[in-house]
Protein backbone atom coordinates (compact mmCIF):
# COMPACT_ATOMS: atom_id res chain seq x y z
CA UNK A 1 -59.77 -86.11 -12.41
CA UNK A 2 -63.04 -87.58 -13.90
CA UNK A 3 -62.97 -90.23 -11.09
CA UNK A 4 -62.71 -87.43 -8.49
CA UNK A 5 -65.73 -85.55 -9.97
CA UNK A 6 -67.88 -88.60 -10.05
CA UNK A 7 -66.89 -89.38 -6.49
CA UNK A 8 -67.96 -85.91 -5.34
CA UNK A 9 -71.30 -86.17 -7.26
CA UNK A 10 -72.04 -89.43 -5.47
CA UNK A 11 -71.47 -87.72 -2.09
CA UNK A 12 -73.53 -84.72 -2.52
CA UNK A 13 -74.94 -85.13 1.03
CA UNK A 14 -71.57 -85.31 2.59
CA UNK A 15 -70.21 -82.43 4.73
CA UNK A 16 -67.24 -82.10 2.31
CA UNK A 17 -69.46 -81.41 -0.69
CA UNK A 18 -71.39 -78.67 1.22
CA UNK A 19 -68.03 -77.09 2.48
CA UNK A 20 -66.84 -77.02 -1.11
CA UNK A 21 -70.15 -75.45 -2.24
CA UNK A 22 -70.38 -72.91 0.53
CA UNK A 23 -66.88 -71.68 0.27
CA UNK A 24 -67.51 -70.54 -3.29
CA UNK A 25 -69.99 -67.93 -2.10
CA UNK A 26 -67.81 -66.21 0.64
CA UNK A 27 -68.44 -62.47 0.26
CA UNK A 28 -69.37 -62.95 -3.35
CA UNK A 29 -65.61 -62.42 -3.93
CA UNK A 30 -63.80 -65.56 -3.16
CA UNK A 31 -63.74 -68.79 -5.20
CA UNK A 32 -61.51 -71.77 -5.42
CA UNK A 33 -60.72 -74.60 -7.80
CA UNK A 34 -59.28 -78.09 -7.64
CA UNK A 35 -56.88 -77.98 -10.58
CA UNK A 36 -54.41 -80.79 -10.24
CA UNK A 37 -53.84 -84.37 -9.35
CA UNK A 38 -50.28 -85.59 -8.66
CA UNK A 39 -48.51 -88.75 -7.92
CA UNK A 40 -47.79 -89.44 -4.21
CA UNK A 41 -46.04 -92.48 -3.04
CA UNK A 42 -47.33 -95.40 -5.22
CA UNK A 43 -50.82 -94.02 -5.64
CA UNK A 44 -52.61 -90.75 -6.37
CA UNK A 45 -52.70 -87.65 -4.12
CA UNK A 46 -54.75 -84.63 -4.74
CA UNK A 47 -53.36 -81.22 -4.29
CA UNK A 48 -55.28 -78.09 -3.58
CA UNK A 49 -53.05 -75.69 -5.45
CA UNK A 50 -54.67 -72.46 -6.48
CA UNK A 51 -57.06 -69.76 -5.37
CA UNK A 52 -59.00 -67.90 -8.02
CA UNK A 53 -59.57 -64.24 -7.58
CA UNK A 54 -62.98 -62.75 -8.47
CA UNK A 55 -64.38 -59.11 -8.37
CA UNK A 56 -62.25 -56.81 -6.31
CA UNK A 57 -61.37 -59.47 -3.63
CA UNK A 58 -59.13 -62.43 -3.37
CA UNK A 59 -60.34 -65.96 -2.84
CA UNK A 60 -59.00 -67.94 0.05
CA UNK A 61 -58.92 -71.51 1.39
CA UNK A 62 -58.44 -71.96 5.01
CA UNK A 63 -55.59 -74.25 6.03
CA UNK A 64 -57.83 -76.06 8.60
CA UNK A 65 -60.36 -77.04 5.91
CA UNK A 66 -57.63 -78.15 3.46
CA UNK A 67 -55.80 -80.20 6.10
CA UNK A 68 -58.44 -81.47 8.30
CA UNK A 69 -61.50 -82.20 5.93
CA UNK A 70 -59.50 -82.55 2.73
CA UNK A 71 -56.95 -85.05 3.98
CA UNK A 72 -59.48 -87.08 6.01
CA UNK A 73 -61.92 -87.37 3.14
CA UNK A 74 -59.41 -88.19 0.41
CA UNK A 75 -57.60 -90.62 2.56
CA UNK A 76 -60.72 -92.50 3.38
CA UNK A 77 -62.13 -92.64 -0.15
CA UNK A 78 -59.05 -93.40 -1.90
CA UNK A 79 -57.91 -96.19 0.50
CA UNK A 80 -61.41 -97.76 -0.16
CA UNK A 81 -60.39 -97.93 -3.81
CA UNK A 82 -57.10 -99.46 -3.07
CA UNK A 83 -54.82 -96.37 -3.44
CA UNK A 84 -52.33 -95.04 -0.95
CA UNK A 85 -52.38 -91.37 -0.06
CA UNK A 86 -49.83 -89.02 1.50
CA UNK A 87 -50.43 -85.27 2.04
CA UNK A 88 -48.25 -83.21 -0.34
CA UNK A 89 -45.86 -80.61 0.93
CA UNK A 90 -47.33 -78.19 -1.53
CA UNK A 91 -50.77 -78.69 -0.01
CA UNK A 92 -49.62 -77.64 3.49
CA UNK A 93 -47.53 -74.79 2.01
CA UNK A 94 -50.43 -73.42 0.00
CA UNK A 95 -52.79 -73.74 3.03
CA UNK A 96 -50.30 -71.88 5.17
CA UNK A 97 -49.93 -69.06 2.80
CA UNK A 98 -53.72 -68.67 2.68
CA UNK A 99 -54.49 -69.12 6.40
CA UNK A 100 -56.43 -66.11 7.56
CA UNK A 101 -55.04 -66.34 11.12
CA UNK A 102 -51.32 -65.60 11.29
CA UNK A 103 -51.08 -67.83 14.48
CA UNK A 104 -52.10 -70.81 12.51
CA UNK A 105 -49.50 -70.42 9.65
CA UNK A 106 -47.73 -73.61 9.10
CA UNK A 107 -43.94 -72.99 9.27
CA UNK A 108 -43.05 -75.81 7.01
CA UNK A 109 -40.91 -74.53 4.12
CA UNK A 110 -40.07 -71.31 5.84
CA UNK A 111 -36.41 -70.76 6.95
CA UNK A 112 -36.28 -69.19 10.39
CA UNK A 113 -32.98 -67.56 11.24
CA UNK A 114 -33.68 -67.09 14.94
CA UNK A 115 -34.50 -69.70 17.63
CA UNK A 116 -36.53 -69.42 20.86
CA UNK A 117 -39.63 -67.63 19.56
CA UNK A 118 -40.91 -64.34 18.21
CA UNK A 119 -39.81 -62.16 21.19
CA UNK A 120 -36.18 -63.21 20.52
CA UNK A 121 -36.79 -62.72 16.94
CA UNK A 122 -37.81 -59.17 17.62
CA UNK A 123 -34.73 -58.41 19.73
CA UNK A 124 -32.46 -59.69 17.15
CA UNK A 125 -34.11 -57.74 14.47
CA UNK A 126 -33.95 -54.44 16.34
CA UNK A 127 -30.20 -55.01 17.01
CA UNK A 128 -29.43 -55.59 13.21
CA UNK A 129 -31.51 -52.64 12.10
CA UNK A 130 -29.80 -50.50 14.72
CA UNK A 131 -26.40 -51.59 13.33
CA UNK A 132 -27.69 -50.80 9.77
CA UNK A 133 -28.66 -47.31 10.82
CA UNK A 134 -25.14 -46.90 12.47
CA UNK A 135 -23.56 -47.69 9.20
CA UNK A 136 -25.82 -45.20 7.39
CA UNK A 137 -24.70 -42.60 9.89
CA UNK A 138 -21.05 -43.53 9.17
CA UNK A 139 -21.60 -42.86 5.42
CA UNK A 140 -23.12 -39.36 6.37
CA UNK A 141 -20.24 -38.57 8.72
CA UNK A 142 -17.74 -39.65 6.10
CA UNK A 143 -19.40 -37.30 3.63
CA UNK A 144 -19.14 -34.35 6.08
CA UNK A 145 -15.55 -35.21 6.76
CA UNK A 146 -14.82 -35.00 3.04
CA UNK A 147 -16.76 -31.81 2.53
CA UNK A 148 -14.80 -30.09 5.31
CA UNK A 149 -11.51 -31.53 3.87
CA UNK A 150 -10.71 -33.19 7.19
CA UNK A 151 -9.84 -36.71 5.99
CA UNK A 152 -6.03 -36.09 5.61
CA UNK A 153 -5.68 -34.33 9.08
CA UNK A 154 -4.42 -37.50 10.80
CA UNK A 155 -1.28 -38.76 9.29
CA UNK A 156 -1.05 -42.17 11.00
CA UNK A 157 -3.51 -44.98 11.89
CA UNK A 158 -3.74 -47.78 14.50
CA UNK A 159 -6.30 -50.56 14.28
CA UNK A 160 -7.13 -50.40 18.01
CA UNK A 161 -7.38 -46.60 17.91
CA UNK A 162 -5.96 -44.08 20.47
CA UNK A 163 -6.87 -41.21 22.75
CA UNK A 164 -6.90 -37.77 21.08
CA UNK A 165 -4.32 -35.14 22.00
CA UNK A 166 -5.20 -33.98 25.62
CA UNK A 167 -2.47 -31.36 26.18
CA UNK A 168 -1.05 -28.44 24.26
CA UNK A 169 2.16 -30.17 23.73
CA UNK A 170 0.35 -33.28 22.17
CA UNK A 171 -1.68 -30.97 19.87
CA UNK A 172 1.46 -29.17 18.76
CA UNK A 173 3.07 -32.56 18.02
CA UNK A 174 0.00 -33.65 15.84
CA UNK A 175 0.05 -30.28 14.05
CA UNK A 176 3.75 -30.64 13.15
CA UNK A 177 3.08 -34.07 11.66
CA UNK A 178 0.24 -32.58 9.54
CA UNK A 179 2.64 -29.71 8.40
CA UNK A 180 4.73 -32.29 6.73
CA UNK A 181 1.94 -33.52 4.52
CA UNK A 182 1.36 -32.39 0.94
CA UNK A 183 -2.11 -31.02 1.82
CA UNK A 184 -0.78 -28.58 4.33
CA UNK A 185 2.11 -27.43 1.94
CA UNK A 186 -0.13 -26.98 -1.15
CA UNK A 187 -3.68 -26.19 0.26
CA UNK A 188 -3.60 -25.20 3.91
CA UNK A 189 -0.24 -23.43 4.42
CA UNK A 190 -0.49 -20.89 7.22
CA UNK A 191 -3.39 -22.74 8.89
CA UNK A 192 -3.84 -21.96 12.56
CA UNK A 193 -3.80 -24.53 15.43
CA UNK A 194 -7.43 -23.87 16.19
CA UNK A 195 -8.52 -24.55 12.57
CA UNK A 196 -6.37 -27.74 12.60
CA UNK A 197 -8.15 -28.92 15.75
CA UNK A 198 -11.53 -28.72 13.93
CA UNK A 199 -10.40 -30.95 10.98
CA UNK A 200 -8.69 -33.23 13.31
CA UNK A 201 -11.76 -33.70 15.51
CA UNK A 202 -13.90 -34.40 12.41
CA UNK A 203 -11.57 -37.17 11.19
CA UNK A 204 -11.09 -38.53 14.78
CA UNK A 205 -14.87 -38.68 15.30
CA UNK A 206 -15.27 -40.57 11.95
CA UNK A 207 -12.68 -43.20 13.00
CA UNK A 208 -13.94 -43.68 16.50
CA UNK A 209 -17.64 -43.87 15.25
CA UNK A 210 -16.52 -46.84 13.20
CA UNK A 211 -14.79 -48.53 16.10
CA UNK A 212 -17.95 -47.87 18.19
CA UNK A 213 -19.93 -49.76 15.56
CA UNK A 214 -17.58 -52.72 16.02
CA UNK A 215 -18.38 -52.83 19.65
CA UNK A 216 -22.07 -52.36 19.19
CA UNK A 217 -22.02 -55.25 16.81
CA UNK A 218 -19.79 -57.60 18.52
CA UNK A 219 -21.10 -57.58 22.00
CA UNK A 220 -24.77 -58.45 21.37
CA UNK A 221 -23.61 -60.89 18.61
CA UNK A 222 -21.51 -62.80 21.17
CA UNK A 223 -24.48 -62.80 23.69
CA UNK A 224 -27.05 -64.10 21.15
CA UNK A 225 -24.73 -66.76 20.11
CA UNK A 226 -24.03 -67.83 23.65
CA UNK A 227 -27.76 -67.99 24.39
CA UNK A 228 -28.40 -70.08 21.18
CA UNK A 229 -30.76 -67.59 19.70
CA UNK A 230 -28.90 -67.42 16.28
CA UNK A 231 -29.00 -70.28 13.79
CA UNK A 232 -25.86 -71.41 12.00
CA UNK A 233 -27.01 -69.83 8.76
CA UNK A 234 -27.58 -66.39 10.35
CA UNK A 235 -24.30 -66.71 12.29
CA UNK A 236 -22.25 -67.25 9.15
CA UNK A 237 -23.91 -64.31 7.50
CA UNK A 238 -23.41 -61.93 10.30
CA UNK A 239 -19.74 -63.08 10.73
CA UNK A 240 -19.10 -62.31 7.07
CA UNK A 241 -20.66 -58.82 7.61
CA UNK A 242 -18.51 -58.29 10.72
CA UNK A 243 -15.36 -59.24 8.70
CA UNK A 244 -16.21 -56.74 6.03
CA UNK A 245 -16.72 -54.12 8.74
CA UNK A 246 -13.34 -54.79 10.18
CA UNK A 247 -11.77 -54.65 6.75
CA UNK A 248 -13.42 -51.29 6.16
CA UNK A 249 -11.09 -49.69 8.60
CA UNK A 250 -8.08 -51.13 6.71
CA UNK A 251 -9.61 -49.89 3.40
CA UNK A 252 -10.10 -46.42 4.88
CA UNK A 253 -6.52 -46.11 5.91
CA UNK A 254 -5.48 -47.50 2.51
CA UNK A 255 -7.48 -44.69 0.97
CA UNK A 256 -6.20 -41.93 3.20
CA UNK A 257 -2.68 -43.00 2.79
CA UNK A 258 -2.87 -42.24 -0.97
CA UNK A 259 -3.78 -38.71 -0.17
CA UNK A 260 -0.58 -38.33 1.98
CA UNK A 261 1.75 -38.93 -0.95
CA UNK A 262 3.11 -36.19 -3.13
CA UNK A 263 1.02 -35.67 -6.30
CA UNK A 264 2.65 -36.44 -9.59
CA UNK A 265 2.35 -32.79 -10.83
CA UNK A 266 3.57 -29.83 -8.88
CA UNK A 267 0.30 -28.05 -9.83
CA UNK A 268 -2.00 -30.76 -8.61
CA UNK A 269 -3.78 -30.71 -5.33
CA UNK A 270 -3.19 -33.69 -3.05
CA UNK A 271 -6.24 -35.88 -2.90
CA UNK A 272 -7.00 -39.55 -2.25
CA UNK A 273 -7.12 -42.03 -5.03
CA UNK A 274 -10.67 -42.17 -6.72
CA UNK A 275 -10.32 -45.91 -7.01
CA UNK A 276 -9.72 -46.30 -3.37
CA UNK A 277 -12.49 -43.90 -2.51
CA UNK A 278 -14.88 -45.90 -4.73
CA UNK A 279 -13.77 -49.16 -2.98
CA UNK A 280 -14.34 -47.47 0.46
CA UNK A 281 -17.81 -46.28 -0.47
CA UNK A 282 -18.81 -49.54 -2.15
CA UNK A 283 -17.79 -51.59 0.85
CA UNK A 284 -19.90 -49.41 3.05
CA UNK A 285 -22.93 -49.81 0.72
CA UNK A 286 -22.49 -53.55 0.79
CA UNK A 287 -22.29 -53.68 4.57
CA UNK A 288 -25.41 -51.45 4.84
CA UNK A 289 -27.46 -53.43 2.35
CA UNK A 290 -26.34 -56.76 3.84
CA UNK A 291 -27.41 -55.77 7.39
CA UNK A 292 -30.68 -54.26 6.26
CA UNK A 293 -31.62 -57.34 4.11
CA UNK A 294 -30.54 -59.65 7.01
CA UNK A 295 -32.81 -57.68 9.47
CA UNK A 296 -35.83 -58.05 7.06
CA UNK A 297 -35.08 -61.81 6.70
CA UNK A 298 -35.06 -62.19 10.55
CA UNK A 299 -38.27 -60.11 11.36
CA UNK A 300 -40.13 -61.19 8.14
CA UNK A 301 -39.05 -64.76 7.23
CA UNK A 302 -42.02 -64.70 4.80
CA UNK A 303 -43.76 -61.74 3.19
CA UNK A 304 -47.20 -60.56 4.26
CA UNK A 305 -49.87 -62.57 2.29
CA UNK A 306 -53.21 -60.96 2.23
CA UNK A 307 -54.02 -62.61 -1.12
CA UNK A 308 -52.35 -64.59 -3.92
CA UNK A 309 -52.75 -61.64 -6.19
CA UNK A 310 -50.44 -59.62 -3.85
CA UNK A 311 -47.88 -62.39 -4.11
CA UNK A 312 -48.04 -62.41 -7.89
CA UNK A 313 -47.87 -58.65 -8.01
CA UNK A 314 -44.76 -58.63 -5.72
CA UNK A 315 -43.08 -61.19 -7.86
CA UNK A 316 -43.61 -58.96 -10.94
CA UNK A 317 -42.45 -55.87 -9.08
CA UNK A 318 -39.22 -57.72 -8.03
CA UNK A 319 -38.41 -58.55 -11.63
CA UNK A 320 -38.46 -54.82 -12.28
CA UNK A 321 -36.78 -53.69 -9.06
CA UNK A 322 -33.60 -55.87 -9.57
CA UNK A 323 -32.30 -54.16 -12.65
CA UNK A 324 -33.21 -50.81 -11.28
CA UNK A 325 -31.24 -51.56 -8.00
CA UNK A 326 -28.28 -52.47 -10.12
CA UNK A 327 -28.53 -49.20 -12.03
CA UNK A 328 -28.74 -47.22 -8.63
CA UNK A 329 -25.61 -48.96 -7.50
CA UNK A 330 -23.62 -48.13 -10.56
CA UNK A 331 -24.79 -44.50 -10.31
CA UNK A 332 -23.70 -44.28 -6.73
CA UNK A 333 -20.29 -45.83 -7.71
CA UNK A 334 -19.81 -43.24 -10.38
CA UNK A 335 -20.50 -40.51 -7.83
CA UNK A 336 -17.52 -41.85 -5.94
CA UNK A 337 -15.27 -41.13 -8.92
CA UNK A 338 -16.79 -37.71 -9.24
CA UNK A 339 -15.83 -36.98 -5.66
CA UNK A 340 -12.39 -38.66 -5.94
CA UNK A 341 -11.56 -36.53 -9.00
CA UNK A 342 -13.09 -33.30 -7.65
CA UNK A 343 -15.09 -33.47 -10.92
CA UNK A 344 -17.85 -31.44 -9.39
CA UNK A 345 -15.63 -28.29 -9.82
CA UNK A 346 -15.20 -28.87 -13.53
CA UNK A 347 -18.65 -27.92 -14.96
CA UNK A 348 -21.31 -26.19 -12.93
CA UNK A 349 -24.10 -25.72 -15.49
CA UNK A 350 -26.98 -28.12 -16.18
CA UNK A 351 -28.20 -29.73 -18.38
CA UNK A 352 -25.32 -28.54 -20.69
CA UNK A 353 -21.70 -28.71 -19.61
CA UNK A 354 -20.39 -25.24 -20.22
CA UNK A 355 -21.48 -24.36 -23.75
CA UNK A 356 -21.85 -27.86 -25.07
CA UNK A 357 -23.76 -31.04 -24.29
CA UNK A 358 -20.64 -33.21 -24.56
CA UNK A 359 -17.14 -31.65 -23.85
CA UNK A 360 -14.41 -31.98 -26.28
CA UNK A 361 -11.88 -33.31 -23.91
CA UNK A 362 -13.74 -36.60 -22.82
CA UNK A 363 -11.30 -38.90 -24.50
CA UNK A 364 -7.98 -37.01 -24.00
CA UNK A 365 -6.31 -39.60 -21.62
CA UNK A 366 -4.53 -42.78 -22.93
CA UNK A 367 -5.44 -45.59 -22.72
CA UNK A 368 -8.99 -44.74 -23.39
CA UNK A 369 -10.58 -46.58 -20.47
CA UNK A 370 -8.81 -44.23 -18.00
CA UNK A 371 -11.10 -41.37 -19.16
CA UNK A 372 -13.98 -43.16 -17.39
CA UNK A 373 -12.29 -43.09 -14.04
CA UNK A 374 -9.77 -40.18 -14.10
CA UNK A 375 -10.93 -37.61 -16.56
CA UNK A 376 -12.99 -34.97 -14.79
CA UNK A 377 -15.15 -34.20 -17.80
CA UNK A 378 -15.85 -37.81 -18.66
CA UNK A 379 -16.58 -38.80 -15.09
CA UNK A 380 -19.05 -35.96 -14.52
CA UNK A 381 -20.69 -36.73 -18.00
CA UNK A 382 -21.07 -40.43 -17.03
CA UNK A 383 -22.58 -39.45 -13.67
CA UNK A 384 -25.12 -37.18 -15.30
CA UNK A 385 -26.19 -39.78 -17.80
CA UNK A 386 -26.48 -42.48 -15.21
CA UNK A 387 -28.36 -40.22 -12.76
CA UNK A 388 -30.89 -39.30 -15.55
CA UNK A 389 -31.36 -42.96 -16.48
CA UNK A 390 -31.77 -43.93 -12.85
CA UNK A 391 -34.61 -41.33 -12.38
CA UNK A 392 -36.35 -42.43 -15.60
CA UNK A 393 -36.09 -46.10 -14.80
CA UNK A 394 -37.49 -45.68 -11.27
CA UNK A 395 -40.30 -43.57 -12.74
CA UNK A 396 -40.96 -46.29 -15.22
CA UNK A 397 -41.06 -48.92 -12.38
CA UNK A 398 -43.45 -46.85 -10.50
CA UNK A 399 -45.71 -46.41 -13.54
CA UNK A 400 -45.60 -50.17 -14.43
CA UNK A 401 -46.36 -51.23 -10.77
CA UNK A 402 -49.44 -48.96 -10.59
CA UNK A 403 -51.21 -51.59 -12.73
CA UNK A 404 -50.37 -54.34 -10.28
CA UNK A 405 -52.23 -55.52 -7.15
CA UNK A 406 -49.68 -54.89 -4.51
CA UNK A 407 -49.57 -54.72 -0.82
CA UNK A 408 -50.13 -51.06 0.24
CA UNK A 409 -46.66 -51.08 2.02
CA UNK A 410 -44.93 -52.12 -1.26
CA UNK A 411 -46.79 -49.44 -3.22
CA UNK A 412 -45.74 -46.85 -0.64
CA UNK A 413 -42.10 -47.87 -0.79
CA UNK A 414 -41.91 -47.61 -4.65
CA UNK A 415 -43.58 -44.15 -4.53
CA UNK A 416 -41.13 -43.05 -1.77
CA UNK A 417 -38.13 -44.32 -3.96
CA UNK A 418 -39.30 -42.19 -6.88
CA UNK A 419 -39.72 -39.17 -4.60
CA UNK A 420 -36.16 -39.64 -3.19
CA UNK A 421 -34.72 -39.97 -6.77
CA UNK A 422 -36.43 -36.77 -7.92
CA UNK A 423 -35.18 -34.93 -4.78
CA UNK A 424 -31.64 -36.16 -5.54
CA UNK A 425 -31.70 -34.82 -9.09
CA UNK A 426 -33.25 -31.47 -7.91
CA UNK A 427 -30.46 -31.09 -5.33
CA UNK A 428 -27.84 -31.59 -7.73
CA UNK A 429 -29.41 -29.13 -10.25
CA UNK A 430 -29.55 -26.51 -7.44
CA UNK A 431 -25.72 -27.18 -6.63
CA UNK A 432 -25.01 -26.54 -10.36
CA UNK A 433 -26.93 -23.23 -10.29
CA UNK A 434 -25.19 -21.85 -7.15
CA UNK A 435 -21.72 -22.68 -8.50
CA UNK A 436 -18.79 -25.03 -7.93
CA UNK A 437 -18.95 -27.12 -4.75
CA UNK A 438 -16.76 -29.52 -2.95
CA UNK A 439 -17.64 -33.21 -3.66
């Protein structure tokens, strides 16, 4: 390092020296430092590694300066001294991150999932985000299907699907099949044909909407593959998500089939297995998150970099977001068990459950672990605790990230997440006030 400093001092009249000097005065906010020397090949290579932030701004070092002037100067001087010199990958990576012009960003070290340029990248990204939105709508439609108690109206299932009843005779045939189910005998005895048509159409729409998603996914996927737009890595990832989507139909029928069986007790209402319902919902979440994450990876192969402080801030925010995301997933999974056990009917007061904070019957089942999945009191208590912990953790993350220098879009997303979490808790409190509701 001392040899470098002396070399610079002896070349005060060189253009490189003045460029180093001038760059430290840009906007009175930006500065830089040469902080490391590292071995390259059999000699010594210098690496421009870091940008120092001053005042309210962020320092930058243009990639053109780092590559053109830096490489040329150091190569010539060190070769005169008998050293060999090779540019470091980290030098080009750092320069590309700090390049003010996005069109000049060096793509070295960045994994691109789509070939043939930015226009194709945009097309593939829109398609993937569209599929993710379709999955989200599937979850919403599934919730409406459950709220209207329509899920058990169709008593059989075919992978390829079928046409709905088109004549009065066909409707009567489907209605007779439903009359043989435990739900009709114990819950909907005396239901009219018109009411049956409503719940049948709800379940039919849910199933066909899922098959429509398969077509919307498979056809563009085949086209993009044939054109060579999709890389091998992206193709494998999307194939795995497509397989999960196909399996989701099987999981859905596996869930519905459990509700068509006679309940163990003559006083119990027929309902689907909470374990199978949780599996169905978790699978949907995995597919949605996988598609959304893949879409972001396609359209944003590397995050926006206005300054190094934004990068450092985002890295710290990520360490907070990962455990919070896991907690959100566990809370959603517990909600599936609340729905599967109809636990929302058990207690309709908040924050207390009836007259106590903790019901007496939370451990009445044997073995004890069954209470966390099958006992309505325990399942609802767990969900309340997890939901409260989720709200507090998201609030803590929001408070902690206020002190970080983050990209405005990241700050906005964290604030929106806190708002949605608060809205979710308020909605549940409102449901508790108005009385029992169907999960």
